[in-house]
Each structure stands twice: as structure tokens, then as C-alpha cells.
């Protein structure tokens, strides 16, 4: 439901004036969207969401009063007819004219008291039974921020525990790979991202596969060894998961690289092919006058 205006209380301003500008902007935008258009803003930051949650019941109460007013209300007062002349009674000469005493005025304090009670009745309590105006006091703001911070701290502790468990599992299963010395923010982000993408169970499985791979442990022609960052890299993680680094068939305890075996060729035949190829390239270099290099 769209409206042309809504009531913005001073307590709203007092509640957000000391917050950072970006959070103030988020809260004000959320209030205006809800007060004018009835739209709840999603994806607010924790503090902005907490403040708006406290304000929203007051906006709902005002909207309800507005809707009730549209359906009816007290009939207008009858306008006096100014065309009629009022006939004032003539005083009796034998009677003393007594001036009409003004109606007794309500004391200012009593008016303020009635106004305050009416205001309190119109403000709905929040789920914890506290009035909205109390929540926007200095103590109320501090309490709300403490609740938000407490929730964030619990979430951080859970994430830290999960990251520590993943690193410990890496040390247990990948004993031939370098140990993690520092769990940096970049590594924490990699762990969270992989768990979010594939789930914790799949992450643990990939760590096991990396620990079983001889190639990743240095059994390759460069004697290169993978580390934690390499394993948790997005593209490398997928390759390990798809089995690209599983151990190949071995011959007398030696890997295919050491024996020269590949495909369907037996080790002896493949080794012969490698020697012939190297000899051909060596002869070609001599013919061109090049200095022969080292062939892999």
C-alpha cells in the first residue's frame, strides 16, 4: 500500500544519529520504503537490521491507525450559521449582572500526563515486552548492539572451529605435504568457499585423495610437491576431486614416469621409444650446429 507520508519520530533520529553514515543511510532507506510503500528492505547489515526491527512495530501501529481513520471516525462539528443574529437577553434593572466565569482550565501537568499516557498506549511493545521508546534510549541502543555482536561472535567461533578441524584433518591425511603454519584470512576464505560449494563431506574426501596421491607428494619429474593453498585452489580442487591425480599402475614399485610406461605400452617398449626419440633429436641438433641440451 502506497502512502503520501508517514510519521517519523524524534526517537528514530536519536537512535541512529551516532551510527556510521552508511548504516544511517541503510536504516533511513528501510524506514522510508516501509513507511511509504509498505516494502521491507532485504539484506540489511546486522546493526541496520536490528534498528529497523525495533522501529517497524511503531510504523505498523501508525499504518493501522491510518487505515482505521479512512473507514470512518468522529463526525465533523456542526458549523454555526453566521447569518442568524444572536438575541442577547436584556438584564433586569433590579438584577445585578453577573459575568460568566470561564471554564476551569486543566492544569498543564495533568495535560502532559494524559498526553504521555495516550502516547504509551499507542506504542506497541516489542516481543520482549519493552516499549519502543525505551529501546531507543542510550541503554536500549547499547543492549541491541550487544545482542547483534553476541550473535556475530558465536558465528565466528563456529567458523573458527570448523577451519581448525579442516587444517587438522589435512595434517592427518597429507603427511607428505608441507604443514600449515599459519591459518591466514585467505586460507580461511578458501575453506569456507569450498565447504559452501561442495559440502564438508566432499572437502574431507578431497583432502584424503590429495594425501594418497604420490604425484602431489613429489613423485614427478620436477620433484614438485603440492601444499595446502594449491589443494584448496578452485581449479586444482576440482581436478583432485575428479581423480586426475590418482596413483597410476606401478611396475615393481616404480611409478609410470620412472619406468616410461604410458597407455597400453609395456614399460620396456615405452622406454625404447623414449631413447629413440631422444637420439633423433640429438642428431638433428648436431646437424643444425646447435649445442645439444638436456632432454626430459
C-alpha atoms as a PDB file:
ATOM      1  CA  UNK A   1       0.000   0.000   0.000  1.00  0.00           C
ATOM      2  CA  UNK A   2       1.488   3.335  -1.082  1.00  0.00           C
ATOM      3  CA  UNK A   3       1.121   6.427   1.092  1.00  0.00           C
ATOM      4  CA  UNK A   4       1.992  10.094   0.622  1.00  0.00           C
ATOM      5  CA  UNK A   5       3.530  10.422   4.078  1.00  0.00           C
ATOM      6  CA  UNK A   6       4.156   8.826   7.461  1.00  0.00           C
ATOM      7  CA  UNK A   7       5.155   9.856  10.998  1.00  0.00           C
ATOM      8  CA  UNK A   8       8.896   9.970  11.698  1.00  0.00           C
ATOM      9  CA  UNK A   9       9.517  10.242  15.448  1.00  0.00           C
ATOM     10  CA  UNK A  10      12.395  12.095  17.040  1.00  0.00           C
ATOM     11  CA  UNK A  11      13.266   8.866  18.878  1.00  0.00           C
ATOM     12  CA  UNK A  12      14.136   7.314  15.480  1.00  0.00           C
ATOM     13  CA  UNK A  13      16.636  10.100  14.842  1.00  0.00           C
ATOM     14  CA  UNK A  14      18.086   9.885  18.341  1.00  0.00           C
ATOM     15  CA  UNK A  15      18.544   6.132  17.892  1.00  0.00           C
ATOM     16  CA  UNK A  16      20.643   6.333  14.709  1.00  0.00           C
ATOM     17  CA  UNK A  17      22.379   9.734  14.823  1.00  0.00           C
ATOM     18  CA  UNK A  18      25.589   8.340  16.376  1.00  0.00           C
ATOM     19  CA  UNK A  19      25.846   5.370  13.989  1.00  0.00           C
ATOM     20  CA  UNK A  20      28.177   5.402  10.933  1.00  0.00           C
ATOM     21  CA  UNK A  21      26.816   7.242   7.899  1.00  0.00           C
ATOM     22  CA  UNK A  22      26.424   4.140   5.756  1.00  0.00           C
ATOM     23  CA  UNK A  23      24.357   2.378   8.434  1.00  0.00           C
ATOM     24  CA  UNK A  24      22.275   5.543   8.979  1.00  0.00           C
ATOM     25  CA  UNK A  25      21.548   5.590   5.258  1.00  0.00           C
ATOM     26  CA  UNK A  26      20.506   1.922   5.246  1.00  0.00           C
ATOM     27  CA  UNK A  27      18.146   2.437   8.213  1.00  0.00           C
ATOM     28  CA  UNK A  28      16.580   5.623   6.781  1.00  0.00           C
ATOM     29  CA  UNK A  29      16.044   3.985   3.388  1.00  0.00           C
ATOM     30  CA  UNK A  30      14.435   0.951   5.027  1.00  0.00           C
ATOM     31  CA  UNK A  31      12.117   3.202   7.110  1.00  0.00           C
ATOM     32  CA  UNK A  32      11.022   5.233   4.068  1.00  0.00           C
ATOM     33  CA  UNK A  33      10.489   2.155   1.881  1.00  0.00           C
ATOM     34  CA  UNK A  34       8.317   0.561   4.543  1.00  0.00           C
ATOM     35  CA  UNK A  35       6.507   3.730   5.664  1.00  0.00           C
ATOM     36  CA  UNK A  36       5.663   4.970   2.141  1.00  0.00           C
ATOM     37  CA  UNK A  37       5.465   1.789   0.069  1.00  0.00           C
ATOM     38  CA  UNK A  38       4.987  -0.989   2.621  1.00  0.00           C
ATOM     39  CA  UNK A  39       8.106  -2.757   1.294  1.00  0.00           C
ATOM     40  CA  UNK A  40      10.521  -4.481   3.679  1.00  0.00           C
ATOM     41  CA  UNK A  41      14.179  -3.973   2.671  1.00  0.00           C
ATOM     42  CA  UNK A  42      16.129  -7.234   2.489  1.00  0.00           C
ATOM     43  CA  UNK A  43      19.871  -7.921   3.008  1.00  0.00           C
ATOM     44  CA  UNK A  44      20.396  -5.205   5.632  1.00  0.00           C
ATOM     45  CA  UNK A  45      23.617  -5.239   7.634  1.00  0.00           C
ATOM     46  CA  UNK A  46      23.236  -6.727  11.155  1.00  0.00           C
ATOM     47  CA  UNK A  47      23.149  -3.400  13.023  1.00  0.00           C
ATOM     48  CA  UNK A  48      20.835  -1.743  10.480  1.00  0.00           C
ATOM     49  CA  UNK A  49      18.552  -4.787  10.584  1.00  0.00           C
ATOM     50  CA  UNK A  50      18.415  -4.682  14.399  1.00  0.00           C
ATOM     51  CA  UNK A  51      17.499  -0.969  14.454  1.00  0.00           C
ATOM     52  CA  UNK A  52      14.833  -1.349  11.753  1.00  0.00           C
ATOM     53  CA  UNK A  53      13.318  -4.344  13.570  1.00  0.00           C
ATOM     54  CA  UNK A  54      12.799  -2.117  16.620  1.00  0.00           C
ATOM     55  CA  UNK A  55      11.221   0.678  14.562  1.00  0.00           C
ATOM     56  CA  UNK A  56       8.937  -1.483  12.408  1.00  0.00           C
ATOM     57  CA  UNK A  57       6.226  -2.149  15.080  1.00  0.00           C
ATOM     58  CA  UNK A  58       5.717   1.623  15.514  1.00  0.00           C
ATOM     59  CA  UNK A  59       5.318   2.046  11.745  1.00  0.00           C
ATOM     60  CA  UNK A  60       2.805  -0.831  11.732  1.00  0.00           C
ATOM     61  CA  UNK A  61       0.823   0.814  14.554  1.00  0.00           C
ATOM     62  CA  UNK A  62       0.698   4.132  12.684  1.00  0.00           C
ATOM     63  CA  UNK A  63      -0.385   2.396   9.468  1.00  0.00           C
ATOM     64  CA  UNK A  64      -3.195   0.660  11.357  1.00  0.00           C
ATOM     65  CA  UNK A  65      -4.395   3.976  12.830  1.00  0.00           C
ATOM     66  CA  UNK A  66      -4.283   5.464   9.338  1.00  0.00           C
ATOM     67  CA  UNK A  67      -6.404   2.634   7.917  1.00  0.00           C
ATOM     68  CA  UNK A  68      -8.886   2.890  10.764  1.00  0.00           C
ATOM     69  CA  UNK A  69      -9.239   6.621  10.112  1.00  0.00           C
ATOM     70  CA  UNK A  70     -10.023   6.040   6.437  1.00  0.00           C
ATOM     71  CA  UNK A  71     -13.009   3.848   7.357  1.00  0.00           C
ATOM     72  CA  UNK A  72     -14.815   6.467   9.450  1.00  0.00           C
ATOM     73  CA  UNK A  73     -14.301   8.455  12.587  1.00  0.00           C
ATOM     74  CA  UNK A  74     -15.922  11.215  14.609  1.00  0.00           C
ATOM     75  CA  UNK A  75     -18.454  13.227  12.578  1.00  0.00           C
ATOM     76  CA  UNK A  76     -17.477  16.859  11.922  1.00  0.00           C
ATOM     77  CA  UNK A  77     -18.766  19.556  14.202  1.00  0.00           C
ATOM     78  CA  UNK A  78     -21.821  21.431  13.042  1.00  0.00           C
ATOM     79  CA  UNK A  79     -20.827  24.783  11.679  1.00  0.00           C
ATOM     80  CA  UNK A  80     -22.653  27.768  13.145  1.00  0.00           C
ATOM     81  CA  UNK A  81     -24.910  29.817  10.886  1.00  0.00           C
ATOM     82  CA  UNK A  82     -23.363  33.269  10.854  1.00  0.00           C
ATOM     83  CA  UNK A  83     -26.445  34.733   9.133  1.00  0.00           C
ATOM     84  CA  UNK A  84     -28.516  34.385  12.271  1.00  0.00           C
ATOM     85  CA  UNK A  85     -28.393  37.201  14.754  1.00  0.00           C
ATOM     86  CA  UNK A  86     -27.985  36.169  18.323  1.00  0.00           C
ATOM     87  CA  UNK A  87     -30.520  37.815  20.639  1.00  0.00           C
ATOM     88  CA  UNK A  88     -28.923  38.640  23.899  1.00  0.00           C
ATOM     89  CA  UNK A  89     -31.233  38.670  26.909  1.00  0.00           C
ATOM     90  CA  UNK A  90     -31.737  42.102  28.428  1.00  0.00           C
ATOM     91  CA  UNK A  91     -30.749  42.296  32.072  1.00  0.00           C
ATOM     92  CA  UNK A  92     -33.408  43.093  34.648  1.00  0.00           C
ATOM     93  CA  UNK A  93     -32.837  46.517  36.112  1.00  0.00           C
ATOM     94  CA  UNK A  94     -33.392  45.092  39.535  1.00  0.00           C
ATOM     95  CA  UNK A  95     -30.859  42.351  38.954  1.00  0.00           C
ATOM     96  CA  UNK A  96     -27.108  42.565  39.286  1.00  0.00           C
ATOM     97  CA  UNK A  97     -25.326  41.406  36.150  1.00  0.00           C
ATOM     98  CA  UNK A  98     -23.016  38.534  36.917  1.00  0.00           C
ATOM     99  CA  UNK A  99     -20.209  37.874  34.485  1.00  0.00           C
ATOM    100  CA  UNK A 100     -19.940  34.291  33.345  1.00  0.00           C
ATOM    101  CA  UNK A 101     -16.986  32.605  34.934  1.00  0.00           C
ATOM    102  CA  UNK A 102     -14.578  30.933  32.394  1.00  0.00           C
ATOM    103  CA  UNK A 103     -14.401  27.170  32.486  1.00  0.00           C
ATOM    104  CA  UNK A 104     -11.706  25.834  34.727  1.00  0.00           C
ATOM    105  CA  UNK A 105      -8.565  25.086  32.724  1.00  0.00           C
ATOM    106  CA  UNK A 106      -6.896  21.735  33.009  1.00  0.00           C
ATOM    107  CA  UNK A 107      -3.535  22.030  34.640  1.00  0.00           C
ATOM    108  CA  UNK A 108      -0.554  21.824  32.344  1.00  0.00           C
ATOM    109  CA  UNK A 109       0.933  18.903  34.211  1.00  0.00           C
ATOM    110  CA  UNK A 110      -2.312  16.954  34.026  1.00  0.00           C
ATOM    111  CA  UNK A 111      -2.480  17.601  30.260  1.00  0.00           C
ATOM    112  CA  UNK A 112       1.050  16.373  29.819  1.00  0.00           C
ATOM    113  CA  UNK A 113       0.294  13.309  31.902  1.00  0.00           C
ATOM    114  CA  UNK A 114      -2.797  12.472  29.826  1.00  0.00           C
ATOM    115  CA  UNK A 115      -0.814  13.032  26.622  1.00  0.00           C
ATOM    116  CA  UNK A 116       2.026  10.802  27.828  1.00  0.00           C
ATOM    117  CA  UNK A 117      -0.368   8.003  28.836  1.00  0.00           C
ATOM    118  CA  UNK A 118      -2.111   8.221  25.464  1.00  0.00           C
ATOM    119  CA  UNK A 119       1.233   8.050  23.690  1.00  0.00           C
ATOM    120  CA  UNK A 120       2.284   4.991  25.673  1.00  0.00           C
ATOM    121  CA  UNK A 121      -0.979   3.225  24.865  1.00  0.00           C
ATOM    122  CA  UNK A 122      -0.427   3.815  21.128  1.00  0.00           C
ATOM    123  CA  UNK A 123       3.117   2.414  21.149  1.00  0.00           C
ATOM    124  CA  UNK A 124       3.100  -1.406  20.961  1.00  0.00           C
ATOM    125  CA  UNK A 125       5.644  -3.376  22.983  1.00  0.00           C
ATOM    126  CA  UNK A 126       8.298  -5.402  21.240  1.00  0.00           C
ATOM    127  CA  UNK A 127       8.359  -9.224  21.651  1.00  0.00           C
ATOM    128  CA  UNK A 128      10.397  -8.864  24.857  1.00  0.00           C
ATOM    129  CA  UNK A 129       7.728  -6.595  26.382  1.00  0.00           C
ATOM    130  CA  UNK A 130       9.777  -3.377  26.187  1.00  0.00           C
ATOM    131  CA  UNK A 131       8.350  -0.162  24.756  1.00  0.00           C
ATOM    132  CA  UNK A 132       9.860   1.088  21.523  1.00  0.00           C
ATOM    133  CA  UNK A 133      10.738   4.440  23.120  1.00  0.00           C
ATOM    134  CA  UNK A 134      12.711   2.638  25.836  1.00  0.00           C
ATOM    135  CA  UNK A 135      14.640   0.676  23.235  1.00  0.00           C
ATOM    136  CA  UNK A 136      15.781   3.924  21.647  1.00  0.00           C
ATOM    137  CA  UNK A 137      17.262   5.212  24.856  1.00  0.00           C
ATOM    138  CA  UNK A 138      21.050   5.074  25.203  1.00  0.00           C
ATOM    139  CA  UNK A 139      20.792   1.875  27.253  1.00  0.00           C
ATOM    140  CA  UNK A 140      18.400   0.354  24.721  1.00  0.00           C
ATOM    141  CA  UNK A 141      20.733   1.031  21.785  1.00  0.00           C
ATOM    142  CA  UNK A 142      23.710  -0.434  23.657  1.00  0.00           C
ATOM    143  CA  UNK A 143      21.693  -3.518  24.570  1.00  0.00           C
ATOM    144  CA  UNK A 144      20.590  -4.057  20.955  1.00  0.00           C
ATOM    145  CA  UNK A 145      24.141  -3.714  19.640  1.00  0.00           C
ATOM    146  CA  UNK A 146      25.381  -6.153  22.282  1.00  0.00           C
ATOM    147  CA  UNK A 147      22.797  -8.710  21.114  1.00  0.00           C
ATOM    148  CA  UNK A 148      23.921  -8.297  17.484  1.00  0.00           C
ATOM    149  CA  UNK A 149      27.602  -8.553  18.441  1.00  0.00           C
ATOM    150  CA  UNK A 150      26.945 -11.645  20.557  1.00  0.00           C
ATOM    151  CA  UNK A 151      25.340 -13.396  17.582  1.00  0.00           C
ATOM    152  CA  UNK A 152      28.261 -12.455  15.327  1.00  0.00           C
ATOM    153  CA  UNK A 153      30.800 -13.681  17.883  1.00  0.00           C
ATOM    154  CA  UNK A 154      29.053 -17.077  18.160  1.00  0.00           C
ATOM    155  CA  UNK A 155      29.069 -17.440  14.371  1.00  0.00           C
ATOM    156  CA  UNK A 156      32.765 -16.536  14.201  1.00  0.00           C
ATOM    157  CA  UNK A 157      33.612 -19.103  16.885  1.00  0.00           C
ATOM    158  CA  UNK A 158      31.763 -21.836  14.970  1.00  0.00           C
ATOM    159  CA  UNK A 159      33.588 -20.913  11.737  1.00  0.00           C
ATOM    160  CA  UNK A 160      36.964 -20.820  13.524  1.00  0.00           C
ATOM    161  CA  UNK A 161      36.352 -24.278  14.970  1.00  0.00           C
ATOM    162  CA  UNK A 162      35.433 -25.662  11.540  1.00  0.00           C
ATOM    163  CA  UNK A 163      38.545 -24.131   9.939  1.00  0.00           C
ATOM    164  CA  UNK A 164      40.749 -25.616  12.656  1.00  0.00           C
ATOM    165  CA  UNK A 165      39.198 -29.061  12.131  1.00  0.00           C
ATOM    166  CA  UNK A 166      39.849 -28.908   8.361  1.00  0.00           C
ATOM    167  CA  UNK A 167      43.505 -27.938   8.884  1.00  0.00           C
ATOM    168  CA  UNK A 168      43.990 -30.720  11.451  1.00  0.00           C
ATOM    169  CA  UNK A 169      42.463 -33.237   9.026  1.00  0.00           C
ATOM    170  CA  UNK A 170      44.842 -32.016   6.304  1.00  0.00           C
ATOM    171  CA  UNK A 171      47.819 -32.655   8.605  1.00  0.00           C
ATOM    172  CA  UNK A 172      46.480 -36.118   9.427  1.00  0.00           C
ATOM    173  CA  UNK A 173      45.832 -37.267   5.846  1.00  0.00           C
ATOM    174  CA  UNK A 174      48.517 -35.352   3.921  1.00  0.00           C
ATOM    175  CA  UNK A 175      51.595 -36.171   5.968  1.00  0.00           C
ATOM    176  CA  UNK A 176      53.885 -35.972   2.920  1.00  0.00           C
ATOM    177  CA  UNK A 177      52.757 -32.427   2.084  1.00  0.00           C
ATOM    178  CA  UNK A 178      54.016 -29.255   3.839  1.00  0.00           C
ATOM    179  CA  UNK A 179      52.227 -28.480   7.104  1.00  0.00           C
ATOM    180  CA  UNK A 180      50.152 -25.342   7.521  1.00  0.00           C
ATOM    181  CA  UNK A 181      51.995 -22.923   9.791  1.00  0.00           C
ATOM    182  CA  UNK A 182      49.519 -20.006   9.734  1.00  0.00           C
ATOM    183  CA  UNK A 183      45.775 -20.096   9.090  1.00  0.00           C
ATOM    184  CA  UNK A 184      45.591 -16.747   7.287  1.00  0.00           C
ATOM    185  CA  UNK A 185      42.408 -14.916   6.293  1.00  0.00           C
ATOM    186  CA  UNK A 186      42.942 -16.022   2.686  1.00  0.00           C
ATOM    187  CA  UNK A 187      43.080 -19.669   3.773  1.00  0.00           C
ATOM    188  CA  UNK A 188      40.001 -19.244   5.962  1.00  0.00           C
ATOM    189  CA  UNK A 189      38.155 -17.835   2.962  1.00  0.00           C
ATOM    190  CA  UNK A 190      39.272 -20.791   0.794  1.00  0.00           C
ATOM    191  CA  UNK A 191      37.996 -23.290   3.377  1.00  0.00           C
ATOM    192  CA  UNK A 192      34.616 -21.518   3.727  1.00  0.00           C
ATOM    193  CA  UNK A 193      34.219 -21.256  -0.046  1.00  0.00           C
ATOM    194  CA  UNK A 194      34.985 -24.921  -0.735  1.00  0.00           C
ATOM    195  CA  UNK A 195      32.609 -26.062   2.037  1.00  0.00           C
ATOM    196  CA  UNK A 196      29.882 -23.773   0.692  1.00  0.00           C
ATOM    197  CA  UNK A 197      30.389 -25.093  -2.861  1.00  0.00           C
ATOM    198  CA  UNK A 198      30.711 -28.830  -2.218  1.00  0.00           C
ATOM    199  CA  UNK A 199      29.848 -29.521   1.429  1.00  0.00           C
ATOM    200  CA  UNK A 200      32.071 -30.546   4.313  1.00  0.00           C
ATOM    201  CA  UNK A 201      31.988 -34.269   3.470  1.00  0.00           C
ATOM    202  CA  UNK A 202      33.296 -33.697  -0.069  1.00  0.00           C
ATOM    203  CA  UNK A 203      36.060 -31.384   1.218  1.00  0.00           C
ATOM    204  CA  UNK A 204      37.277 -34.097   3.604  1.00  0.00           C
ATOM    205  CA  UNK A 205      37.214 -36.638   0.749  1.00  0.00           C
ATOM    206  CA  UNK A 206      39.351 -34.405  -1.494  1.00  0.00           C
ATOM    207  CA  UNK A 207      41.886 -33.995   1.334  1.00  0.00           C
ATOM    208  CA  UNK A 208      42.091 -37.801   1.604  1.00  0.00           C
ATOM    209  CA  UNK A 209      42.614 -38.128  -2.160  1.00  0.00           C
ATOM    210  CA  UNK A 210      45.366 -35.480  -2.080  1.00  0.00           C
ATOM    211  CA  UNK A 211      47.116 -37.340   0.732  1.00  0.00           C
ATOM    212  CA  UNK A 212      47.016 -40.633  -1.217  1.00  0.00           C
ATOM    213  CA  UNK A 213      48.474 -39.113  -4.414  1.00  0.00           C
ATOM    214  CA  UNK A 214      52.170 -39.861  -4.936  1.00  0.00           C
ATOM    215  CA  UNK A 215      52.361 -37.289  -7.708  1.00  0.00           C
ATOM    216  CA  UNK A 216      51.288 -34.477  -5.363  1.00  0.00           C
ATOM    217  CA  UNK A 217      53.808 -35.731  -2.775  1.00  0.00           C
ATOM    218  CA  UNK A 218      56.761 -35.211  -5.148  1.00  0.00           C
ATOM    219  CA  UNK A 219      56.747 -38.376  -7.305  1.00  0.00           C
ATOM    220  CA  UNK A 220      57.048 -36.390 -10.563  1.00  0.00           C
ATOM    221  CA  UNK A 221      59.892 -35.347 -12.856  1.00  0.00           C
ATOM    222  CA  UNK A 222      60.193 -31.911 -11.222  1.00  0.00           C
ATOM    223  CA  UNK A 223      60.114 -33.311  -7.682  1.00  0.00           C
ATOM    224  CA  UNK A 224      57.398 -30.727  -7.076  1.00  0.00           C
ATOM    225  CA  UNK A 225      55.159 -31.040  -4.005  1.00  0.00           C
ATOM    226  CA  UNK A 226      51.659 -29.589  -3.581  1.00  0.00           C
ATOM    227  CA  UNK A 227      50.755 -27.574  -0.492  1.00  0.00           C
ATOM    228  CA  UNK A 228      47.537 -26.535   1.292  1.00  0.00           C
ATOM    229  CA  UNK A 229      46.944 -23.458  -0.859  1.00  0.00           C
ATOM    230  CA  UNK A 230      47.417 -25.460  -4.067  1.00  0.00           C
ATOM    231  CA  UNK A 231      44.964 -28.156  -2.942  1.00  0.00           C
ATOM    232  CA  UNK A 232      42.275 -25.611  -1.972  1.00  0.00           C
ATOM    233  CA  UNK A 233      42.657 -23.593  -5.165  1.00  0.00           C
ATOM    234  CA  UNK A 234      39.321 -23.774  -7.031  1.00  0.00           C
ATOM    235  CA  UNK A 235      40.544 -25.385 -10.264  1.00  0.00           C
ATOM    236  CA  UNK A 236      43.028 -27.715  -8.534  1.00  0.00           C
ATOM    237  CA  UNK A 237      40.355 -28.795  -6.045  1.00  0.00           C
ATOM    238  CA  UNK A 238      38.131 -29.908  -8.929  1.00  0.00           C
ATOM    239  CA  UNK A 239      40.987 -31.826 -10.599  1.00  0.00           C
ATOM    240  CA  UNK A 240      41.718 -33.753  -7.397  1.00  0.00           C
ATOM    241  CA  UNK A 241      38.006 -34.427  -6.878  1.00  0.00           C
ATOM    242  CA  UNK A 242      37.711 -35.799 -10.436  1.00  0.00           C
ATOM    243  CA  UNK A 243      40.640 -38.181  -9.871  1.00  0.00           C
ATOM    244  CA  UNK A 244      43.253 -36.550 -12.100  1.00  0.00           C
ATOM    245  CA  UNK A 245      45.972 -37.187  -9.509  1.00  0.00           C
ATOM    246  CA  UNK A 246      45.130 -40.737  -8.536  1.00  0.00           C
ATOM    247  CA  UNK A 247      48.085 -43.106  -8.471  1.00  0.00           C
ATOM    248  CA  UNK A 248      48.618 -44.939 -11.786  1.00  0.00           C
ATOM    249  CA  UNK A 249      49.510 -48.622 -12.193  1.00  0.00           C
ATOM    250  CA  UNK A 250      53.042 -49.342 -10.960  1.00  0.00           C
ATOM    251  CA  UNK A 251      55.784 -51.765 -12.018  1.00  0.00           C
ATOM    252  CA  UNK A 252      57.995 -53.167  -9.240  1.00  0.00           C
ATOM    253  CA  UNK A 253      57.124 -50.283  -7.019  1.00  0.00           C
ATOM    254  CA  UNK A 254      58.068 -47.586  -9.578  1.00  0.00           C
ATOM    255  CA  UNK A 255      55.676 -45.043 -10.996  1.00  0.00           C
ATOM    256  CA  UNK A 256      54.819 -44.773 -14.697  1.00  0.00           C
ATOM    257  CA  UNK A 257      57.040 -41.717 -15.006  1.00  0.00           C
ATOM    258  CA  UNK A 258      60.056 -43.613 -13.670  1.00  0.00           C
ATOM    259  CA  UNK A 259      59.510 -46.641 -15.940  1.00  0.00           C
ATOM    260  CA  UNK A 260      58.411 -44.685 -19.008  1.00  0.00           C
ATOM    261  CA  UNK A 261      55.142 -46.630 -19.243  1.00  0.00           C
ATOM    262  CA  UNK A 262      52.045 -44.918 -20.587  1.00  0.00           C
ATOM    263  CA  UNK A 263      48.785 -46.009 -22.162  1.00  0.00           C
ATOM    264  CA  UNK A 264      48.736 -49.665 -23.282  1.00  0.00           C
ATOM    265  CA  UNK A 265      52.507 -49.898 -23.966  1.00  0.00           C
ATOM    266  CA  UNK A 266      54.576 -52.116 -21.617  1.00  0.00           C
ATOM    267  CA  UNK A 267      57.370 -50.329 -19.719  1.00  0.00           C
ATOM    268  CA  UNK A 268      60.233 -51.831 -21.785  1.00  0.00           C
ATOM    269  CA  UNK A 269      58.680 -50.854 -25.111  1.00  0.00           C
ATOM    270  CA  UNK A 270      57.864 -47.331 -23.965  1.00  0.00           C
ATOM    271  CA  UNK A 271      61.401 -46.852 -22.641  1.00  0.00           C
ATOM    272  CA  UNK A 272      62.743 -47.862 -26.084  1.00  0.00           C
ATOM    273  CA  UNK A 273      60.530 -45.263 -27.724  1.00  0.00           C
ATOM    274  CA  UNK A 274      61.847 -42.577 -25.386  1.00  0.00           C
ATOM    275  CA  UNK A 275      65.522 -43.431 -26.132  1.00  0.00           C
ATOM    276  CA  UNK A 276      64.936 -43.451 -29.902  1.00  0.00           C
ATOM    277  CA  UNK A 277      63.166 -40.127 -29.749  1.00  0.00           C
ATOM    278  CA  UNK A 278      65.995 -38.554 -27.727  1.00  0.00           C
ATOM    279  CA  UNK A 279      68.646 -39.905 -30.143  1.00  0.00           C
ATOM    280  CA  UNK A 280      66.765 -38.495 -33.134  1.00  0.00           C
ATOM    281  CA  UNK A 281      66.517 -35.059 -31.588  1.00  0.00           C
ATOM    282  CA  UNK A 282      70.208 -35.140 -30.633  1.00  0.00           C
ATOM    283  CA  UNK A 283      71.242 -35.975 -34.219  1.00  0.00           C
ATOM    284  CA  UNK A 284      69.034 -33.184 -35.548  1.00  0.00           C
ATOM    285  CA  UNK A 285      70.696 -30.650 -33.249  1.00  0.00           C
ATOM    286  CA  UNK A 286      74.161 -31.745 -34.381  1.00  0.00           C
ATOM    287  CA  UNK A 287      73.120 -31.423 -37.998  1.00  0.00           C
ATOM    288  CA  UNK A 288      71.914 -27.864 -37.411  1.00  0.00           C
ATOM    289  CA  UNK A 289      75.045 -26.955 -35.462  1.00  0.00           C
ATOM    290  CA  UNK A 290      73.167 -26.483 -32.212  1.00  0.00           C
ATOM    291  CA  UNK A 291      74.716 -27.355 -28.868  1.00  0.00           C
ATOM    292  CA  UNK A 292      72.793 -30.320 -27.513  1.00  0.00           C
ATOM    293  CA  UNK A 293      70.862 -29.684 -24.345  1.00  0.00           C
ATOM    294  CA  UNK A 294      69.308 -31.859 -21.672  1.00  0.00           C
ATOM    295  CA  UNK A 295      66.245 -33.769 -22.772  1.00  0.00           C
ATOM    296  CA  UNK A 296      63.438 -34.841 -20.473  1.00  0.00           C
END
